N, C-alpha and C. Protein backbone atom coordinates (compact mmCIF):
# COMPACT_ATOMS: atom_id res chain seq x y z
N MET A 1 -6.05 -2.80 -15.08
CA MET A 1 -6.96 -1.94 -15.80
C MET A 1 -6.43 -0.50 -15.73
N LYS A 2 -6.54 0.22 -16.82
CA LYS A 2 -6.13 1.63 -16.86
C LYS A 2 -7.35 2.50 -17.07
N ILE A 3 -7.36 3.66 -16.42
CA ILE A 3 -8.45 4.61 -16.61
C ILE A 3 -7.86 5.95 -17.00
N LYS A 4 -8.42 6.55 -18.04
CA LYS A 4 -8.03 7.89 -18.47
C LYS A 4 -9.23 8.79 -18.24
N PRO A 5 -9.16 9.70 -17.26
CA PRO A 5 -10.27 10.61 -17.03
C PRO A 5 -10.52 11.52 -18.24
N LEU A 6 -11.75 11.95 -18.40
CA LEU A 6 -12.10 12.84 -19.50
C LEU A 6 -12.19 14.28 -19.03
N TYR A 7 -11.99 15.19 -19.97
CA TYR A 7 -12.13 16.63 -19.75
C TYR A 7 -11.35 17.12 -18.53
N ASP A 8 -12.02 17.73 -17.54
CA ASP A 8 -11.31 18.28 -16.39
C ASP A 8 -11.43 17.38 -15.15
N HIS A 9 -11.59 16.08 -15.40
CA HIS A 9 -11.67 15.12 -14.29
C HIS A 9 -10.27 14.60 -13.97
N ILE A 10 -10.09 14.23 -12.69
CA ILE A 10 -8.79 13.80 -12.19
C ILE A 10 -8.97 12.54 -11.35
N LEU A 11 -8.11 11.53 -11.57
CA LEU A 11 -8.13 10.30 -10.79
C LEU A 11 -7.14 10.46 -9.65
N VAL A 12 -7.63 10.30 -8.41
CA VAL A 12 -6.83 10.57 -7.22
C VAL A 12 -6.84 9.35 -6.30
N GLU A 13 -5.69 9.07 -5.72
CA GLU A 13 -5.58 8.04 -4.68
C GLU A 13 -5.40 8.76 -3.35
N ARG A 14 -6.26 8.46 -2.39
CA ARG A 14 -6.17 9.13 -1.09
C ARG A 14 -4.86 8.79 -0.40
N ILE A 15 -4.31 9.77 0.32
CA ILE A 15 -3.11 9.57 1.13
C ILE A 15 -3.53 9.58 2.58
N GLU A 16 -3.21 8.51 3.29
CA GLU A 16 -3.54 8.42 4.71
C GLU A 16 -2.71 9.44 5.48
N GLU A 17 -3.36 10.18 6.35
CA GLU A 17 -2.66 11.17 7.16
C GLU A 17 -1.91 10.46 8.28
N GLU A 18 -0.87 11.10 8.76
CA GLU A 18 -0.08 10.53 9.84
C GLU A 18 -0.92 10.38 11.10
N VAL A 19 -0.75 9.28 11.79
CA VAL A 19 -1.46 9.04 13.04
C VAL A 19 -0.61 9.62 14.18
N LYS A 20 -1.20 10.51 14.94
CA LYS A 20 -0.49 11.13 16.05
C LYS A 20 -0.66 10.28 17.30
N LYS A 21 0.41 10.13 18.02
CA LYS A 21 0.36 9.33 19.25
C LYS A 21 -0.19 10.19 20.38
N GLY A 22 -1.25 9.71 20.99
CA GLY A 22 -1.83 10.46 22.09
C GLY A 22 -2.51 9.56 23.10
N GLY A 23 -2.50 8.26 22.83
CA GLY A 23 -3.07 7.33 23.77
C GLY A 23 -4.53 7.01 23.53
N ILE A 24 -5.18 7.73 22.63
CA ILE A 24 -6.60 7.47 22.35
C ILE A 24 -6.69 6.64 21.08
N ILE A 25 -7.42 5.55 21.14
CA ILE A 25 -7.60 4.69 19.97
C ILE A 25 -8.97 4.99 19.36
N ILE A 26 -8.95 5.36 18.10
CA ILE A 26 -10.20 5.66 17.38
C ILE A 26 -10.46 4.53 16.40
N PRO A 27 -11.63 3.89 16.47
CA PRO A 27 -11.91 2.79 15.53
C PRO A 27 -11.98 3.31 14.10
N ASP A 28 -11.68 2.42 13.15
CA ASP A 28 -11.68 2.79 11.74
C ASP A 28 -13.00 3.37 11.27
N THR A 29 -14.10 2.90 11.83
CA THR A 29 -15.42 3.39 11.40
C THR A 29 -15.67 4.83 11.82
N ALA A 30 -14.95 5.30 12.82
CA ALA A 30 -15.14 6.67 13.31
C ALA A 30 -14.15 7.66 12.69
N LYS A 31 -13.15 7.15 11.99
CA LYS A 31 -12.14 8.02 11.40
C LYS A 31 -12.69 8.71 10.16
N GLU A 32 -12.27 9.94 9.96
CA GLU A 32 -12.65 10.65 8.74
C GLU A 32 -11.71 10.26 7.62
N LYS A 33 -12.23 10.29 6.40
CA LYS A 33 -11.39 9.96 5.26
C LYS A 33 -10.44 11.13 5.00
N PRO A 34 -9.22 10.81 4.57
CA PRO A 34 -8.25 11.88 4.32
C PRO A 34 -8.68 12.78 3.18
N GLN A 35 -8.26 14.04 3.26
CA GLN A 35 -8.59 15.01 2.23
C GLN A 35 -7.36 15.39 1.42
N GLN A 36 -6.35 14.52 1.47
CA GLN A 36 -5.16 14.69 0.65
C GLN A 36 -5.09 13.51 -0.29
N GLY A 37 -4.51 13.74 -1.46
CA GLY A 37 -4.39 12.64 -2.40
C GLY A 37 -3.28 12.86 -3.40
N LYS A 38 -2.91 11.76 -4.04
CA LYS A 38 -1.89 11.80 -5.08
C LYS A 38 -2.61 11.65 -6.42
N VAL A 39 -2.27 12.53 -7.36
CA VAL A 39 -2.88 12.49 -8.69
C VAL A 39 -2.31 11.31 -9.46
N ILE A 40 -3.18 10.41 -9.90
CA ILE A 40 -2.79 9.22 -10.65
C ILE A 40 -2.90 9.47 -12.15
N ALA A 41 -3.96 10.16 -12.58
CA ALA A 41 -4.16 10.45 -14.01
C ALA A 41 -5.03 11.71 -14.13
N VAL A 42 -4.84 12.43 -15.23
CA VAL A 42 -5.63 13.64 -15.48
C VAL A 42 -6.24 13.59 -16.87
N GLY A 43 -7.36 14.27 -17.03
CA GLY A 43 -8.01 14.37 -18.32
C GLY A 43 -7.30 15.41 -19.18
N GLY A 44 -7.78 15.58 -20.37
CA GLY A 44 -7.16 16.50 -21.33
C GLY A 44 -7.48 17.96 -21.08
N GLY A 45 -8.42 18.26 -20.22
CA GLY A 45 -8.82 19.64 -19.94
C GLY A 45 -10.17 19.95 -20.54
N ARG A 46 -10.79 20.99 -20.04
CA ARG A 46 -12.10 21.36 -20.58
C ARG A 46 -11.93 22.30 -21.77
N ARG A 47 -13.02 22.56 -22.45
CA ARG A 47 -12.99 23.43 -23.63
C ARG A 47 -13.70 24.74 -23.32
N ASP A 48 -13.20 25.81 -23.92
CA ASP A 48 -13.86 27.11 -23.76
C ASP A 48 -14.96 27.26 -24.82
N GLU A 49 -15.57 28.44 -24.88
CA GLU A 49 -16.68 28.68 -25.80
C GLU A 49 -16.28 28.53 -27.27
N LYS A 50 -15.01 28.77 -27.59
CA LYS A 50 -14.52 28.67 -28.97
C LYS A 50 -14.04 27.27 -29.32
N GLY A 51 -14.06 26.36 -28.34
CA GLY A 51 -13.63 24.99 -28.60
C GLY A 51 -12.16 24.73 -28.30
N ASN A 52 -11.45 25.75 -27.82
CA ASN A 52 -10.04 25.57 -27.47
C ASN A 52 -9.93 24.85 -26.14
N ARG A 53 -8.96 23.94 -26.04
CA ARG A 53 -8.77 23.18 -24.81
C ARG A 53 -8.00 24.00 -23.79
N ILE A 54 -8.52 24.01 -22.55
CA ILE A 54 -7.86 24.71 -21.44
C ILE A 54 -7.15 23.63 -20.61
N PRO A 55 -5.82 23.63 -20.57
CA PRO A 55 -5.10 22.58 -19.82
C PRO A 55 -5.33 22.69 -18.32
N LEU A 56 -5.16 21.56 -17.63
CA LEU A 56 -5.34 21.52 -16.18
C LEU A 56 -4.11 22.05 -15.47
N GLU A 57 -4.31 22.58 -14.26
CA GLU A 57 -3.22 23.09 -13.43
C GLU A 57 -2.42 21.96 -12.80
N VAL A 58 -3.08 20.84 -12.50
CA VAL A 58 -2.42 19.73 -11.83
C VAL A 58 -1.88 18.74 -12.85
N LYS A 59 -0.90 17.95 -12.42
CA LYS A 59 -0.34 16.93 -13.29
C LYS A 59 -0.17 15.63 -12.51
N LYS A 60 0.08 14.56 -13.21
CA LYS A 60 0.28 13.26 -12.58
C LYS A 60 1.43 13.35 -11.58
N GLY A 61 1.20 12.81 -10.38
CA GLY A 61 2.23 12.81 -9.34
C GLY A 61 2.08 13.92 -8.32
N ASP A 62 1.27 14.95 -8.62
CA ASP A 62 1.06 16.04 -7.65
C ASP A 62 0.32 15.53 -6.42
N THR A 63 0.60 16.15 -5.28
CA THR A 63 -0.15 15.89 -4.06
C THR A 63 -1.10 17.06 -3.87
N ILE A 64 -2.38 16.76 -3.69
CA ILE A 64 -3.39 17.81 -3.67
C ILE A 64 -4.25 17.74 -2.40
N LEU A 65 -4.93 18.85 -2.13
CA LEU A 65 -5.96 18.93 -1.10
C LEU A 65 -7.29 19.09 -1.80
N PHE A 66 -8.32 18.41 -1.31
CA PHE A 66 -9.64 18.53 -1.92
C PHE A 66 -10.70 18.56 -0.84
N GLY A 67 -11.89 18.96 -1.22
CA GLY A 67 -12.99 19.11 -0.29
C GLY A 67 -13.43 17.78 0.30
N LYS A 68 -14.04 17.85 1.47
CA LYS A 68 -14.45 16.67 2.22
C LYS A 68 -15.41 15.77 1.45
N TYR A 69 -16.33 16.35 0.72
CA TYR A 69 -17.34 15.56 0.00
C TYR A 69 -17.15 15.62 -1.51
N ALA A 70 -15.94 15.89 -1.96
CA ALA A 70 -15.66 16.05 -3.39
C ALA A 70 -15.59 14.69 -4.09
N GLY A 71 -16.04 14.68 -5.32
CA GLY A 71 -15.83 13.54 -6.21
C GLY A 71 -16.67 12.31 -5.97
N ASN A 72 -16.35 11.29 -6.76
CA ASN A 72 -17.02 10.00 -6.71
C ASN A 72 -16.00 8.92 -6.42
N GLU A 73 -16.30 8.06 -5.47
CA GLU A 73 -15.40 6.97 -5.13
C GLU A 73 -15.61 5.81 -6.10
N ILE A 74 -14.49 5.22 -6.55
CA ILE A 74 -14.55 4.04 -7.41
C ILE A 74 -13.53 3.02 -6.91
N LYS A 75 -13.72 1.77 -7.29
CA LYS A 75 -12.79 0.71 -6.91
C LYS A 75 -12.30 0.04 -8.17
N ILE A 76 -10.97 -0.02 -8.33
CA ILE A 76 -10.35 -0.64 -9.50
C ILE A 76 -9.30 -1.62 -9.00
N ASP A 77 -9.43 -2.87 -9.36
CA ASP A 77 -8.47 -3.90 -8.97
C ASP A 77 -8.15 -3.85 -7.47
N GLU A 78 -9.17 -3.83 -6.64
CA GLU A 78 -9.05 -3.82 -5.19
C GLU A 78 -8.45 -2.54 -4.60
N HIS A 79 -8.23 -1.50 -5.40
CA HIS A 79 -7.75 -0.20 -4.91
C HIS A 79 -8.89 0.80 -5.00
N GLU A 80 -9.00 1.65 -3.97
CA GLU A 80 -10.03 2.67 -3.98
C GLU A 80 -9.45 3.99 -4.48
N TYR A 81 -10.17 4.62 -5.38
CA TYR A 81 -9.76 5.89 -5.96
C TYR A 81 -10.92 6.87 -5.87
N LEU A 82 -10.63 8.09 -6.23
CA LEU A 82 -11.62 9.15 -6.25
C LEU A 82 -11.49 9.86 -7.60
N ILE A 83 -12.60 10.10 -8.26
CA ILE A 83 -12.58 10.91 -9.48
C ILE A 83 -13.21 12.24 -9.13
N ILE A 84 -12.42 13.31 -9.27
CA ILE A 84 -12.90 14.65 -8.93
C ILE A 84 -12.69 15.59 -10.10
N ARG A 85 -13.38 16.70 -10.07
CA ARG A 85 -13.19 17.75 -11.07
C ARG A 85 -12.11 18.70 -10.57
N GLU A 86 -11.49 19.39 -11.49
CA GLU A 86 -10.44 20.33 -11.11
C GLU A 86 -10.98 21.40 -10.17
N ASP A 87 -12.23 21.79 -10.33
CA ASP A 87 -12.84 22.81 -9.47
C ASP A 87 -12.91 22.38 -8.00
N ASP A 88 -12.88 21.06 -7.74
CA ASP A 88 -12.97 20.56 -6.37
C ASP A 88 -11.62 20.55 -5.65
N ILE A 89 -10.55 20.86 -6.37
CA ILE A 89 -9.21 20.88 -5.77
C ILE A 89 -9.02 22.21 -5.07
N LEU A 90 -8.62 22.14 -3.79
CA LEU A 90 -8.40 23.34 -2.99
C LEU A 90 -6.98 23.87 -3.12
N GLY A 91 -6.03 22.98 -3.39
CA GLY A 91 -4.64 23.42 -3.52
C GLY A 91 -3.70 22.27 -3.84
N ILE A 92 -2.51 22.62 -4.28
CA ILE A 92 -1.44 21.66 -4.55
C ILE A 92 -0.42 21.79 -3.44
N ILE A 93 -0.03 20.67 -2.84
CA ILE A 93 0.95 20.68 -1.76
C ILE A 93 2.34 20.61 -2.40
N GLU A 94 3.13 21.64 -2.15
CA GLU A 94 4.48 21.67 -2.68
C GLU A 94 5.45 21.37 -1.54
N LYS A 95 6.39 20.51 -1.80
CA LYS A 95 7.36 20.14 -0.77
C LYS A 95 8.47 21.19 -0.73
N THR A 96 8.77 21.66 0.48
CA THR A 96 9.83 22.65 0.65
C THR A 96 11.11 21.95 1.09
N LYS A 97 12.21 22.56 0.76
CA LYS A 97 13.51 21.96 1.10
C LYS A 97 14.05 22.53 2.37
């Protein structure tokens, strides 16, 4: 199944954060959900007062940071995704060389 978000909505797949070795085992139910994700699909952008489309800053493949309670969780073909608005994105993670 394919999903194309509308307007300024973005389909994101969460990225699991690295587990640090420290000897303490935390059960899955106590772990917080990651706040990083990979952009899977983006909408066409929102419209201004004159009806012109404003393109989104993010694009497919970007790695982003988003708020803890941002968006709506959905499940597609046994995969969990998040649909968020561009306003909920805190930043784009750029890889340095």
